[in-house]
Amino acid sequence: MSSRTIKSVVLATLATSAAIAFATPSFAGRNITLCGASPGGLWSLLGTGIDAAVRKVDADSNVTYQTSSGGFANIVQVKQGKCDLAIVHLGEVVIAARGEEPFKEATGGIVAISLLYDWAPMQWVIDKGYADENGLSSISDLANNKSPFNLVVNRRGILPSILAEKSMAASGVSFEDIEAKGGSIQYQGSGTASEIMQDGKADAWVNATFVGSGSIKSIATNRKVTLLSVSDEVIAKMGKDYGSKAVTIPAGAYDWLDHDVKTFGAQAALIVSEDADPEMVGLVAKAIYENVDQIQNVHKAMKAFNADLGASITVIDYHPAALAAIKAAK
């Protein structure tokens, strides 16, 4: 065989190898870690859905869900490389970027793969008798409320309790004002908070939770309740300051709700560090945007998820590899 023939064979072989390399995903066999929250909750189920979507694209890759104390911790762990992906509330990313509590300094460099849901409104559940007696229909009315007011919010230092305090302050009433008038603020997880309300040991409870929440339904089986609204001005401020979304809970959403209620809601997203491996990000993004059913099927609350929703974040940037997957999926 002449040297020219040998050279031609070698070049042809290299070209074929290159074509195969480009045609075969280089992300095969990845073990990807996802930081979420407590075991058994919706975020855990979302981890299962993301894992299923990834396996549809590459059967040799997987996503392992790691429990965590929540979004604030997840931002730190992603930045430190302790997990590849994380689920967070967008408001937590905004707080981190500003360096507000619990962060000691500005912590940026977080980018998105997908919005997961934006339908977890802040619901201000209040005893109807207390609301009627004191003329309360919105949280702004609490500024002029003379009666002691006992409020239960979520655990101290996590986003729902922060949003509760900030939105009330923007409405003209601080937690300190409530306590100064003989009222109280209790910080409790959802289960305990629901029990406190059912037992009549608080006048109101606020949390970011899905419409139709079992906790709210349990309260309503034991007490007559209604929902307080939030003013348009405060809703706009919460959107600007914390990336919250305006939400209207329609009349009839609960058997006892006879009017529309304006409020704002938290948005949850799948995020990575801006310096994350583009191939890993590309795999996960491709998996999600091409297999939305795997996310929809994890829980009835996720049925509204679709690619357009996933691509709708405006508060932070998307990772370039995620943008490429979004474009390819259209």
C-alpha atoms as a PDB file:
ATOM      1  CA  MET A   1       0.000   0.000   0.000  1.00  0.00           C
ATOM      2  CA  SER A   2       1.464   3.367  -1.015  1.00  0.00           C
ATOM      3  CA  SER A   3       2.092   6.100   1.534  1.00  0.00           C
ATOM      4  CA  ARG A   4      -0.599   8.221  -0.175  1.00  0.00           C
ATOM      5  CA  THR A   5      -3.129   5.393   0.223  1.00  0.00           C
ATOM      6  CA  ILE A   6      -2.195   4.919   3.877  1.00  0.00           C
ATOM      7  CA  LYS A   7      -2.594   8.650   4.486  1.00  0.00           C
ATOM      8  CA  SER A   8      -6.036   8.598   2.859  1.00  0.00           C
ATOM      9  CA  VAL A   9      -7.136   5.685   5.018  1.00  0.00           C
ATOM     10  CA  VAL A  10      -5.909   7.431   8.176  1.00  0.00           C
ATOM     11  CA  LEU A  11      -7.713  10.673   7.294  1.00  0.00           C
ATOM     12  CA  ALA A  12     -10.908   8.796   6.519  1.00  0.00           C
ATOM     13  CA  THR A  13     -10.676   6.970   9.833  1.00  0.00           C
ATOM     14  CA  LEU A  14     -10.151  10.236  11.739  1.00  0.00           C
ATOM     15  CA  ALA A  15     -13.100  11.849   9.992  1.00  0.00           C
ATOM     16  CA  THR A  16     -15.322   8.898  10.846  1.00  0.00           C
ATOM     17  CA  SER A  17     -14.175   8.991  14.473  1.00  0.00           C
ATOM     18  CA  ALA A  18     -14.885  12.707  14.703  1.00  0.00           C
ATOM     19  CA  ALA A  19     -18.361  12.232  13.265  1.00  0.00           C
ATOM     20  CA  ILE A  20     -19.080   9.513  15.797  1.00  0.00           C
ATOM     21  CA  ALA A  21     -17.764  11.717  18.612  1.00  0.00           C
ATOM     22  CA  PHE A  22     -20.069  14.562  17.639  1.00  0.00           C
ATOM     23  CA  ALA A  23     -23.030  12.228  17.189  1.00  0.00           C
ATOM     24  CA  THR A  24     -22.525  10.479  20.549  1.00  0.00           C
ATOM     25  CA  PRO A  25     -23.272  12.577  23.658  1.00  0.00           C
ATOM     26  CA  SER A  26     -20.160  13.021  25.771  1.00  0.00           C
ATOM     27  CA  PHE A  27     -22.268  13.141  28.935  1.00  0.00           C
ATOM     28  CA  ALA A  28     -22.825   9.381  29.042  1.00  0.00           C
ATOM     29  CA  GLY A  29     -22.617   7.799  32.469  1.00  0.00           C
ATOM     30  CA  ARG A  30     -22.851  10.887  34.675  1.00  0.00           C
ATOM     31  CA  ASN A  31     -23.745  10.718  38.374  1.00  0.00           C
ATOM     32  CA  ILE A  32     -25.375  14.073  39.098  1.00  0.00           C
ATOM     33  CA  THR A  33     -26.244  15.305  42.586  1.00  0.00           C
ATOM     34  CA  LEU A  34     -29.277  17.493  43.252  1.00  0.00           C
ATOM     35  CA  CYS A  35     -29.715  19.386  46.521  1.00  0.00           C
ATOM     36  CA  GLY A  36     -33.349  19.833  47.524  1.00  0.00           C
ATOM     37  CA  ALA A  37     -35.026  20.084  50.916  1.00  0.00           C
ATOM     38  CA  SER A  38     -36.557  17.574  53.321  1.00  0.00           C
ATOM     39  CA  PRO A  39     -37.243  13.990  52.215  1.00  0.00           C
ATOM     40  CA  GLY A  40     -40.746  13.160  51.049  1.00  0.00           C
ATOM     41  CA  GLY A  41     -41.821  16.654  50.009  1.00  0.00           C
ATOM     42  CA  LEU A  42     -42.539  18.049  46.552  1.00  0.00           C
ATOM     43  CA  TRP A  43     -38.900  18.922  45.920  1.00  0.00           C
ATOM     44  CA  SER A  44     -37.977  15.303  46.579  1.00  0.00           C
ATOM     45  CA  LEU A  45     -40.579  14.236  44.017  1.00  0.00           C
ATOM     46  CA  LEU A  46     -39.189  16.769  41.547  1.00  0.00           C
ATOM     47  CA  GLY A  47     -35.787  15.171  42.044  1.00  0.00           C
ATOM     48  CA  THR A  48     -37.316  11.842  41.066  1.00  0.00           C
ATOM     49  CA  GLY A  49     -38.856  13.407  37.962  1.00  0.00           C
ATOM     50  CA  ILE A  50     -35.607  15.062  36.895  1.00  0.00           C
ATOM     51  CA  ASP A  51     -33.793  11.750  37.367  1.00  0.00           C
ATOM     52  CA  ALA A  52     -36.395   9.980  35.194  1.00  0.00           C
ATOM     53  CA  ALA A  53     -36.072  12.646  32.495  1.00  0.00           C
ATOM     54  CA  VAL A  54     -32.270  12.347  32.465  1.00  0.00           C
ATOM     55  CA  ARG A  55     -32.479   8.558  32.165  1.00  0.00           C
ATOM     56  CA  LYS A  56     -34.711   8.999  29.100  1.00  0.00           C
ATOM     57  CA  VAL A  57     -31.868  10.881  27.401  1.00  0.00           C
ATOM     58  CA  ASP A  58     -29.004   8.770  28.757  1.00  0.00           C
ATOM     59  CA  ALA A  59     -29.833   5.504  30.494  1.00  0.00           C
ATOM     60  CA  ASP A  60     -26.357   5.387  32.047  1.00  0.00           C
ATOM     61  CA  SER A  61     -26.720   8.732  33.827  1.00  0.00           C
ATOM     62  CA  ASN A  62     -28.673   9.444  36.996  1.00  0.00           C
ATOM     63  CA  VAL A  63     -29.647  12.252  39.347  1.00  0.00           C
ATOM     64  CA  THR A  64     -29.342  11.598  43.075  1.00  0.00           C
ATOM     65  CA  TYR A  65     -31.449  13.717  45.428  1.00  0.00           C
ATOM     66  CA  GLN A  66     -29.719  15.011  48.559  1.00  0.00           C
ATOM     67  CA  THR A  67     -31.719  16.326  51.493  1.00  0.00           C
ATOM     68  CA  SER A  68     -30.942  19.836  52.659  1.00  0.00           C
ATOM     69  CA  SER A  69     -32.262  22.573  54.908  1.00  0.00           C
ATOM     70  CA  GLY A  70     -33.558  24.401  51.820  1.00  0.00           C
ATOM     71  CA  GLY A  71     -32.791  26.987  49.194  1.00  0.00           C
ATOM     72  CA  PHE A  72     -30.380  29.217  51.112  1.00  0.00           C
ATOM     73  CA  ALA A  73     -28.175  26.238  51.994  1.00  0.00           C
ATOM     74  CA  ASN A  74     -28.491  24.931  48.441  1.00  0.00           C
ATOM     75  CA  ILE A  75     -27.070  28.137  46.973  1.00  0.00           C
ATOM     76  CA  VAL A  76     -23.983  27.773  49.165  1.00  0.00           C
ATOM     77  CA  GLN A  77     -23.597  24.077  48.356  1.00  0.00           C
ATOM     78  CA  VAL A  78     -23.828  24.679  44.612  1.00  0.00           C
ATOM     79  CA  LYS A  79     -21.236  27.440  44.870  1.00  0.00           C
ATOM     80  CA  GLN A  80     -18.943  25.130  46.854  1.00  0.00           C
ATOM     81  CA  GLY A  81     -19.384  22.279  44.394  1.00  0.00           C
ATOM     82  CA  LYS A  82     -21.019  20.017  46.972  1.00  0.00           C
ATOM     83  CA  CYS A  83     -23.947  19.419  44.628  1.00  0.00           C
ATOM     84  CA  ASP A  84     -24.226  19.814  40.862  1.00  0.00           C
ATOM     85  CA  LEU A  85     -27.801  21.110  40.783  1.00  0.00           C
ATOM     86  CA  ALA A  86     -30.191  22.577  43.314  1.00  0.00           C
ATOM     87  CA  ILE A  87     -33.814  23.556  43.697  1.00  0.00           C
ATOM     88  CA  VAL A  88     -34.301  27.006  45.199  1.00  0.00           C
ATOM     89  CA  HIS A  89     -36.859  29.769  45.379  1.00  0.00           C
ATOM     90  CA  LEU A  90     -35.895  32.659  43.124  1.00  0.00           C
ATOM     91  CA  GLY A  91     -36.363  35.021  46.055  1.00  0.00           C
ATOM     92  CA  GLU A  92     -33.539  33.195  47.826  1.00  0.00           C
ATOM     93  CA  VAL A  93     -31.215  33.819  44.876  1.00  0.00           C
ATOM     94  CA  VAL A  94     -32.134  37.518  44.965  1.00  0.00           C
ATOM     95  CA  ILE A  95     -31.440  37.702  48.703  1.00  0.00           C
ATOM     96  CA  ALA A  96     -28.091  35.928  48.211  1.00  0.00           C
ATOM     97  CA  ALA A  97     -27.046  38.309  45.442  1.00  0.00           C
ATOM     98  CA  ARG A  98     -27.725  41.279  47.746  1.00  0.00           C
ATOM     99  CA  GLY A  99     -25.856  39.699  50.635  1.00  0.00           C
ATOM    100  CA  GLU A 100     -28.827  39.928  53.002  1.00  0.00           C
ATOM    101  CA  GLU A 101     -29.410  37.582  55.942  1.00  0.00           C
ATOM    102  CA  PRO A 102     -28.589  34.732  56.213  1.00  0.00           C
ATOM    103  CA  PHE A 103     -25.676  35.603  53.892  1.00  0.00           C
ATOM    104  CA  LYS A 104     -22.738  37.583  55.244  1.00  0.00           C
ATOM    105  CA  GLU A 105     -21.757  38.919  51.814  1.00  0.00           C
ATOM    106  CA  ALA A 106     -23.123  39.168  48.295  1.00  0.00           C
ATOM    107  CA  THR A 107     -23.258  35.679  46.782  1.00  0.00           C
ATOM    108  CA  GLY A 108     -23.876  35.705  43.046  1.00  0.00           C
ATOM    109  CA  GLY A 109     -22.927  33.482  40.143  1.00  0.00           C
ATOM    110  CA  ILE A 110     -26.153  31.461  40.186  1.00  0.00           C
ATOM    111  CA  VAL A 111     -27.864  30.727  36.856  1.00  0.00           C
ATOM    112  CA  ALA A 112     -30.999  28.835  35.880  1.00  0.00           C
ATOM    113  CA  ILE A 113     -31.780  25.644  34.026  1.00  0.00           C
ATOM    114  CA  SER A 114     -35.560  25.761  34.405  1.00  0.00           C
ATOM    115  CA  LEU A 115     -38.387  27.336  36.332  1.00  0.00           C
ATOM    116  CA  LEU A 116     -40.249  24.499  38.032  1.00  0.00           C
ATOM    117  CA  TYR A 117     -43.384  26.196  39.360  1.00  0.00           C
ATOM    118  CA  ASP A 118     -44.740  29.654  40.089  1.00  0.00           C
ATOM    119  CA  TRP A 119     -48.074  28.748  41.680  1.00  0.00           C
ATOM    120  CA  ALA A 120     -47.298  28.676  45.416  1.00  0.00           C
ATOM    121  CA  PRO A 121     -49.060  31.864  46.590  1.00  0.00           C
ATOM    122  CA  MET A 122     -48.696  33.414  50.011  1.00  0.00           C
ATOM    123  CA  GLN A 123     -52.030  32.536  51.608  1.00  0.00           C
ATOM    124  CA  TRP A 124     -53.113  34.591  54.611  1.00  0.00           C
ATOM    125  CA  VAL A 125     -55.595  32.286  56.334  1.00  0.00           C
ATOM    126  CA  ILE A 126     -57.495  34.108  59.075  1.00  0.00           C
ATOM    127  CA  ASP A 127     -60.322  33.236  61.433  1.00  0.00           C
ATOM    128  CA  LYS A 128     -63.417  34.689  59.765  1.00  0.00           C
ATOM    129  CA  GLY A 129     -64.939  35.857  63.031  1.00  0.00           C
ATOM    130  CA  TYR A 130     -61.768  37.752  63.921  1.00  0.00           C
ATOM    131  CA  ALA A 131     -61.583  39.299  60.439  1.00  0.00           C
ATOM    132  CA  ASP A 132     -65.239  40.384  60.497  1.00  0.00           C
ATOM    133  CA  GLU A 133     -65.066  41.759  64.035  1.00  0.00           C
ATOM    134  CA  ASN A 134     -61.993  43.858  63.247  1.00  0.00           C
ATOM    135  CA  GLY A 135     -62.881  44.874  59.695  1.00  0.00           C
ATOM    136  CA  LEU A 136     -59.988  43.047  58.056  1.00  0.00           C
ATOM    137  CA  SER A 137     -60.017  42.179  54.360  1.00  0.00           C
ATOM    138  CA  SER A 138     -56.354  42.813  53.501  1.00  0.00           C
ATOM    139  CA  ILE A 139     -53.062  42.693  55.362  1.00  0.00           C
ATOM    140  CA  SER A 140     -52.903  46.497  55.064  1.00  0.00           C
ATOM    141  CA  ASP A 141     -55.909  46.678  57.422  1.00  0.00           C
ATOM    142  CA  LEU A 142     -53.730  45.220  60.172  1.00  0.00           C
ATOM    143  CA  ALA A 143     -51.928  48.569  60.448  1.00  0.00           C
ATOM    144  CA  ASN A 144     -55.015  50.043  62.128  1.00  0.00           C
ATOM    145  CA  ASN A 145     -56.081  46.919  63.990  1.00  0.00           C
ATOM    146  CA  LYS A 146     -56.442  47.592  67.721  1.00  0.00           C
ATOM    147  CA  SER A 147     -57.033  44.013  68.874  1.00  0.00           C
ATOM    148  CA  PRO A 148     -54.208  41.645  69.844  1.00  0.00           C
ATOM    149  CA  PHE A 149     -53.315  39.623  66.751  1.00  0.00           C
ATOM    150  CA  ASN A 150     -51.684  36.208  66.992  1.00  0.00           C
ATOM    151  CA  LEU A 151     -49.968  35.161  63.761  1.00  0.00           C
ATOM    152  CA  VAL A 152     -48.220  31.926  62.804  1.00  0.00           C
ATOM    153  CA  VAL A 153     -45.573  32.074  60.074  1.00  0.00           C
ATOM    154  CA  ASN A 154     -43.181  29.471  58.713  1.00  0.00           C
ATOM    155  CA  ARG A 155     -39.866  28.623  60.342  1.00  0.00           C
ATOM    156  CA  ARG A 156     -37.624  31.567  61.160  1.00  0.00           C
ATOM    157  CA  GLY A 157     -35.097  32.507  58.491  1.00  0.00           C
ATOM    158  CA  ILE A 158     -36.638  30.721  55.510  1.00  0.00           C
ATOM    159  CA  LEU A 159     -38.183  32.485  52.543  1.00  0.00           C
ATOM    160  CA  PRO A 160     -41.930  32.263  53.398  1.00  0.00           C
ATOM    161  CA  SER A 161     -41.392  33.819  56.830  1.00  0.00           C
ATOM    162  CA  ILE A 162     -39.136  36.494  55.308  1.00  0.00           C
ATOM    163  CA  LEU A 163     -41.777  37.307  52.682  1.00  0.00           C
ATOM    164  CA  ALA A 164     -44.455  37.466  55.377  1.00  0.00           C
ATOM    165  CA  GLU A 165     -42.470  39.944  57.463  1.00  0.00           C
ATOM    166  CA  LYS A 166     -41.378  42.104  54.512  1.00  0.00           C
ATOM    167  CA  SER A 167     -44.839  42.294  52.935  1.00  0.00           C
ATOM    168  CA  MET A 168     -46.447  43.197  56.248  1.00  0.00           C
ATOM    169  CA  ALA A 169     -43.848  45.910  56.831  1.00  0.00           C
ATOM    170  CA  ALA A 170     -44.548  47.260  53.337  1.00  0.00           C
ATOM    171  CA  SER A 171     -48.247  47.270  54.286  1.00  0.00           C
ATOM    172  CA  GLY A 172     -47.594  49.441  57.328  1.00  0.00           C
ATOM    173  CA  VAL A 173     -47.406  46.875  60.114  1.00  0.00           C
ATOM    174  CA  SER A 174     -44.264  45.274  61.513  1.00  0.00           C
ATOM    175  CA  PHE A 175     -43.926  42.149  63.618  1.00  0.00           C
ATOM    176  CA  GLU A 176     -42.802  44.455  66.440  1.00  0.00           C
ATOM    177  CA  ASP A 177     -46.025  46.461  66.067  1.00  0.00           C
ATOM    178  CA  ILE A 178     -48.078  43.287  66.446  1.00  0.00           C
ATOM    179  CA  GLU A 179     -46.231  42.270  69.607  1.00  0.00           C
ATOM    180  CA  ALA A 180     -46.447  45.803  71.030  1.00  0.00           C
ATOM    181  CA  LYS A 181     -50.252  45.580  70.794  1.00  0.00           C
ATOM    182  CA  GLY A 182     -50.315  42.377  72.843  1.00  0.00           C
ATOM    183  CA  GLY A 183     -50.213  39.974  69.904  1.00  0.00           C
ATOM    184  CA  SER A 184     -47.639  37.346  69.012  1.00  0.00           C
ATOM    185  CA  ILE A 185     -45.588  35.894  66.154  1.00  0.00           C
ATOM    186  CA  GLN A 186     -45.047  32.139  66.196  1.00  0.00           C
ATOM    187  CA  TYR A 187     -42.512  30.470  63.880  1.00  0.00           C
ATOM    188  CA  GLN A 188     -43.610  26.942  62.996  1.00  0.00           C
ATOM    189  CA  GLY A 189     -43.427  24.407  60.188  1.00  0.00           C
ATOM    190  CA  SER A 190     -46.573  23.769  58.161  1.00  0.00           C
ATOM    191  CA  GLY A 191     -47.814  20.749  60.113  1.00  0.00           C
ATOM    192  CA  THR A 192     -47.484  22.347  63.537  1.00  0.00           C
ATOM    193  CA  ALA A 193     -48.848  25.673  62.264  1.00  0.00           C
ATOM    194  CA  SER A 194     -51.951  23.949  60.953  1.00  0.00           C
ATOM    195  CA  GLU A 195     -52.499  22.271  64.323  1.00  0.00           C
ATOM    196  CA  ILE A 196     -52.104  25.596  66.145  1.00  0.00           C
ATOM    197  CA  MET A 197     -54.749  27.142  63.915  1.00  0.00           C
ATOM    198  CA  GLN A 198     -57.083  24.167  64.278  1.00  0.00           C
ATOM    199  CA  ASP A 199     -56.790  24.404  68.062  1.00  0.00           C
ATOM    200  CA  GLY A 200     -57.665  28.117  68.028  1.00  0.00           C
ATOM    201  CA  LYS A 201     -54.268  29.157  69.411  1.00  0.00           C
ATOM    202  CA  ALA A 202     -53.658  31.721  66.651  1.00  0.00           C
ATOM    203  CA  ASP A 203     -55.825  34.125  64.680  1.00  0.00           C
ATOM    204  CA  ALA A 204     -54.060  33.709  61.341  1.00  0.00           C
ATOM    205  CA  TRP A 205     -51.457  31.682  59.483  1.00  0.00           C
ATOM    206  CA  VAL A 206     -49.504  32.646  56.392  1.00  0.00           C
ATOM    207  CA  ASN A 207     -47.402  30.416  54.172  1.00  0.00           C
ATOM    208  CA  ALA A 208     -46.402  30.008  50.537  1.00  0.00           C
ATOM    209  CA  THR A 209     -48.347  26.909  49.562  1.00  0.00           C
ATOM    210  CA  PHE A 210     -50.424  25.521  46.734  1.00  0.00           C
ATOM    211  CA  VAL A 211     -54.114  26.375  46.460  1.00  0.00           C
ATOM    212  CA  GLY A 212     -56.007  23.429  47.892  1.00  0.00           C
ATOM    213  CA  SER A 213     -53.288  22.730  50.457  1.00  0.00           C
ATOM    214  CA  GLY A 214     -54.177  19.924  52.844  1.00  0.00           C
ATOM    215  CA  SER A 215     -52.998  22.044  55.774  1.00  0.00           C
ATOM    216  CA  ILE A 216     -55.461  24.802  54.908  1.00  0.00           C
ATOM    217  CA  LYS A 217     -58.276  22.318  54.329  1.00  0.00           C
ATOM    218  CA  SER A 218     -57.627  20.831  57.767  1.00  0.00           C
ATOM    219  CA  ILE A 219     -57.876  24.260  59.373  1.00  0.00           C
ATOM    220  CA  ALA A 220     -61.116  24.972  57.517  1.00  0.00           C
ATOM    221  CA  THR A 221     -62.727  21.777  58.803  1.00  0.00           C
ATOM    222  CA  ASN A 222     -62.310  23.041  62.365  1.00  0.00           C
ATOM    223  CA  ARG A 223     -62.778  26.812  62.021  1.00  0.00           C
ATOM    224  CA  LYS A 224     -64.538  29.268  59.776  1.00  0.00           C
ATOM    225  CA  VAL A 225     -61.781  31.005  57.854  1.00  0.00           C
ATOM    226  CA  THR A 226     -61.197  33.403  54.990  1.00  0.00           C
ATOM    227  CA  LEU A 227     -58.177  34.819  53.142  1.00  0.00           C
ATOM    228  CA  LEU A 228     -56.714  38.306  53.413  1.00  0.00           C
ATOM    229  CA  SER A 229     -55.614  40.046  50.217  1.00  0.00           C
ATOM    230  CA  VAL A 230     -52.452  42.039  49.479  1.00  0.00           C
ATOM    231  CA  SER A 231     -52.496  45.494  47.884  1.00  0.00           C
ATOM    232  CA  ASP A 232     -51.319  45.993  44.310  1.00  0.00           C
ATOM    233  CA  GLU A 233     -48.530  48.274  45.540  1.00  0.00           C
ATOM    234  CA  VAL A 234     -47.158  45.677  47.934  1.00  0.00           C
ATOM    235  CA  ILE A 235     -47.473  42.909  45.337  1.00  0.00           C
ATOM    236  CA  ALA A 236     -45.433  45.030  42.923  1.00  0.00           C
ATOM    237  CA  LYS A 237     -42.817  45.718  45.593  1.00  0.00           C
ATOM    238  CA  MET A 238     -42.471  42.028  46.441  1.00  0.00           C
ATOM    239  CA  GLY A 239     -42.016  41.279  42.757  1.00  0.00           C
ATOM    240  CA  LYS A 240     -39.317  43.918  42.424  1.00  0.00           C
ATOM    241  CA  ASP A 241     -37.513  43.095  45.668  1.00  0.00           C
ATOM    242  CA  TYR A 242     -37.860  39.300  45.817  1.00  0.00           C
ATOM    243  CA  GLY A 243     -38.816  38.040  42.369  1.00  0.00           C
ATOM    244  CA  SER A 244     -42.322  37.115  43.529  1.00  0.00           C
ATOM    245  CA  LYS A 245     -45.186  36.746  41.073  1.00  0.00           C
ATOM    246  CA  ALA A 246     -48.631  38.333  41.304  1.00  0.00           C
ATOM    247  CA  VAL A 247     -51.284  35.671  41.916  1.00  0.00           C
ATOM    248  CA  THR A 248     -55.061  35.861  42.151  1.00  0.00           C
ATOM    249  CA  ILE A 249     -56.745  33.069  44.087  1.00  0.00           C
ATOM    250  CA  PRO A 250     -60.188  32.853  42.473  1.00  0.00           C
ATOM    251  CA  ALA A 251     -63.503  32.722  44.270  1.00  0.00           C
ATOM    252  CA  GLY A 252     -64.470  29.082  44.677  1.00  0.00           C
ATOM    253  CA  ALA A 253     -60.881  27.870  44.995  1.00  0.00           C
ATOM    254  CA  TYR A 254     -62.083  26.756  48.430  1.00  0.00           C
ATOM    255  CA  ASP A 255     -65.700  25.998  49.315  1.00  0.00           C
ATOM    256  CA  TRP A 256     -65.665  28.880  51.795  1.00  0.00           C
ATOM    257  CA  LEU A 257     -64.000  31.488  49.552  1.00  0.00           C
ATOM    258  CA  ASP A 258     -66.632  33.713  47.915  1.00  0.00           C
ATOM    259  CA  HIS A 259     -64.360  36.393  46.415  1.00  0.00           C
ATOM    260  CA  ASP A 260     -61.128  36.730  44.434  1.00  0.00           C
ATOM    261  CA  VAL A 261     -58.032  37.306  46.562  1.00  0.00           C
ATOM    262  CA  LYS A 262     -54.958  39.112  45.260  1.00  0.00           C
ATOM    263  CA  THR A 263     -51.600  38.048  46.649  1.00  0.00           C
ATOM    264  CA  PHE A 264     -48.112  37.117  45.468  1.00  0.00           C
ATOM    265  CA  GLY A 265     -46.338  33.809  45.161  1.00  0.00           C
ATOM    266  CA  ALA A 266     -42.922  32.201  45.373  1.00  0.00           C
ATOM    267  CA  GLN A 267     -41.260  30.725  42.284  1.00  0.00           C
ATOM    268  CA  ALA A 268     -39.074  27.611  42.468  1.00  0.00           C
ATOM    269  CA  ALA A 269     -36.318  26.904  39.969  1.00  0.00           C
ATOM    270  CA  LEU A 270     -33.588  24.421  39.133  1.00  0.00           C
ATOM    271  CA  ILE A 271     -30.253  26.232  39.291  1.00  0.00           C
ATOM    272  CA  VAL A 272     -26.518  25.668  38.865  1.00  0.00           C
ATOM    273  CA  SER A 273     -23.361  27.651  39.405  1.00  0.00           C
ATOM    274  CA  GLU A 274     -22.424  29.788  36.406  1.00  0.00           C
ATOM    275  CA  ASP A 275     -19.189  27.791  36.059  1.00  0.00           C
ATOM    276  CA  ALA A 276     -20.958  24.408  36.052  1.00  0.00           C
ATOM    277  CA  ASP A 277     -19.892  21.825  33.461  1.00  0.00           C
ATOM    278  CA  PRO A 278     -21.736  22.823  30.253  1.00  0.00           C
ATOM    279  CA  GLU A 279     -22.125  19.193  29.169  1.00  0.00           C
ATOM    280  CA  MET A 280     -23.797  18.268  32.459  1.00  0.00           C
ATOM    281  CA  VAL A 281     -26.073  21.298  32.242  1.00  0.00           C
ATOM    282  CA  GLY A 282     -26.866  20.468  28.623  1.00  0.00           C
ATOM    283  CA  LEU A 283     -27.839  16.909  29.537  1.00  0.00           C
ATOM    284  CA  VAL A 284     -30.176  17.990  32.333  1.00  0.00           C
ATOM    285  CA  ALA A 285     -31.714  20.820  30.318  1.00  0.00           C
ATOM    286  CA  LYS A 286     -32.271  18.604  27.281  1.00  0.00           C
ATOM    287  CA  ALA A 287     -33.848  15.987  29.531  1.00  0.00           C
ATOM    288  CA  ILE A 288     -36.280  18.443  31.116  1.00  0.00           C
ATOM    289  CA  TYR A 289     -37.323  20.377  28.011  1.00  0.00           C
ATOM    290  CA  GLU A 290     -37.772  17.264  25.875  1.00  0.00           C
ATOM    291  CA  ASN A 291     -39.494  15.177  28.570  1.00  0.00           C
ATOM    292  CA  VAL A 292     -41.808  17.560  30.404  1.00  0.00           C
ATOM    293  CA  ASP A 293     -44.160  14.676  31.178  1.00  0.00           C
ATOM    294  CA  GLN A 294     -41.595  13.260  33.592  1.00  0.00           C
ATOM    295  CA  ILE A 295     -41.918  16.458  35.636  1.00  0.00           C
ATOM    296  CA  GLN A 296     -45.690  16.715  35.241  1.00  0.00           C
ATOM    297  CA  ASN A 297     -46.243  13.179  36.506  1.00  0.00           C
ATOM    298  CA  VAL A 298     -44.526  13.534  39.882  1.00  0.00           C
ATOM    299  CA  HIS A 299     -47.549  15.205  41.528  1.00  0.00           C
ATOM    300  CA  LYS A 300     -50.902  16.662  40.545  1.00  0.00           C
ATOM    301  CA  ALA A 301     -49.565  20.096  41.528  1.00  0.00           C
ATOM    302  CA  MET A 302     -47.061  19.860  38.652  1.00  0.00           C
ATOM    303  CA  LYS A 303     -49.545  19.166  35.831  1.00  0.00           C
ATOM    304  CA  ALA A 304     -49.237  22.765  34.594  1.00  0.00           C
ATOM    305  CA  PHE A 305     -45.484  22.486  34.032  1.00  0.00           C
ATOM    306  CA  ASN A 306     -44.360  22.875  30.425  1.00  0.00           C
ATOM    307  CA  ALA A 307     -41.342  24.042  28.439  1.00  0.00           C
ATOM    308  CA  ASP A 308     -42.624  27.600  28.116  1.00  0.00           C
ATOM    309  CA  LEU A 309     -42.963  27.872  31.883  1.00  0.00           C
ATOM    310  CA  GLY A 310     -39.493  26.411  32.334  1.00  0.00           C
ATOM    311  CA  ALA A 311     -38.045  29.076  30.050  1.00  0.00           C
ATOM    312  CA  SER A 312     -39.861  32.034  31.644  1.00  0.00           C
ATOM    313  CA  ILE A 313     -37.428  33.167  34.356  1.00  0.00           C
ATOM    314  CA  THR A 314     -36.550  36.868  34.205  1.00  0.00           C
ATOM    315  CA  VAL A 315     -35.007  37.442  37.638  1.00  0.00           C
ATOM    316  CA  ILE A 316     -31.720  35.632  36.856  1.00  0.00           C
ATOM    317  CA  ASP A 317     -29.956  34.515  33.680  1.00  0.00           C
ATOM    318  CA  TYR A 318     -30.069  31.031  32.206  1.00  0.00           C
ATOM    319  CA  HIS A 319     -26.907  28.966  31.774  1.00  0.00           C
ATOM    320  CA  PRO A 320     -25.859  29.103  28.080  1.00  0.00           C
ATOM    321  CA  ALA A 321     -26.220  25.324  27.778  1.00  0.00           C
ATOM    322  CA  ALA A 322     -29.767  25.574  29.117  1.00  0.00           C
ATOM    323  CA  LEU A 323     -30.564  28.315  26.600  1.00  0.00           C
ATOM    324  CA  ALA A 324     -29.299  26.051  23.821  1.00  0.00           C
ATOM    325  CA  ALA A 325     -31.567  23.240  25.031  1.00  0.00           C
ATOM    326  CA  ILE A 326     -34.543  25.595  25.210  1.00  0.00           C
ATOM    327  CA  LYS A 327     -33.915  26.723  21.643  1.00  0.00           C
ATOM    328  CA  ALA A 328     -33.499  23.146  20.408  1.00  0.00           C
ATOM    329  CA  ALA A 329     -36.742  22.029  22.066  1.00  0.00           C
ATOM    330  CA  LYS A 330     -38.862  24.656  20.289  1.00  0.00           C
END
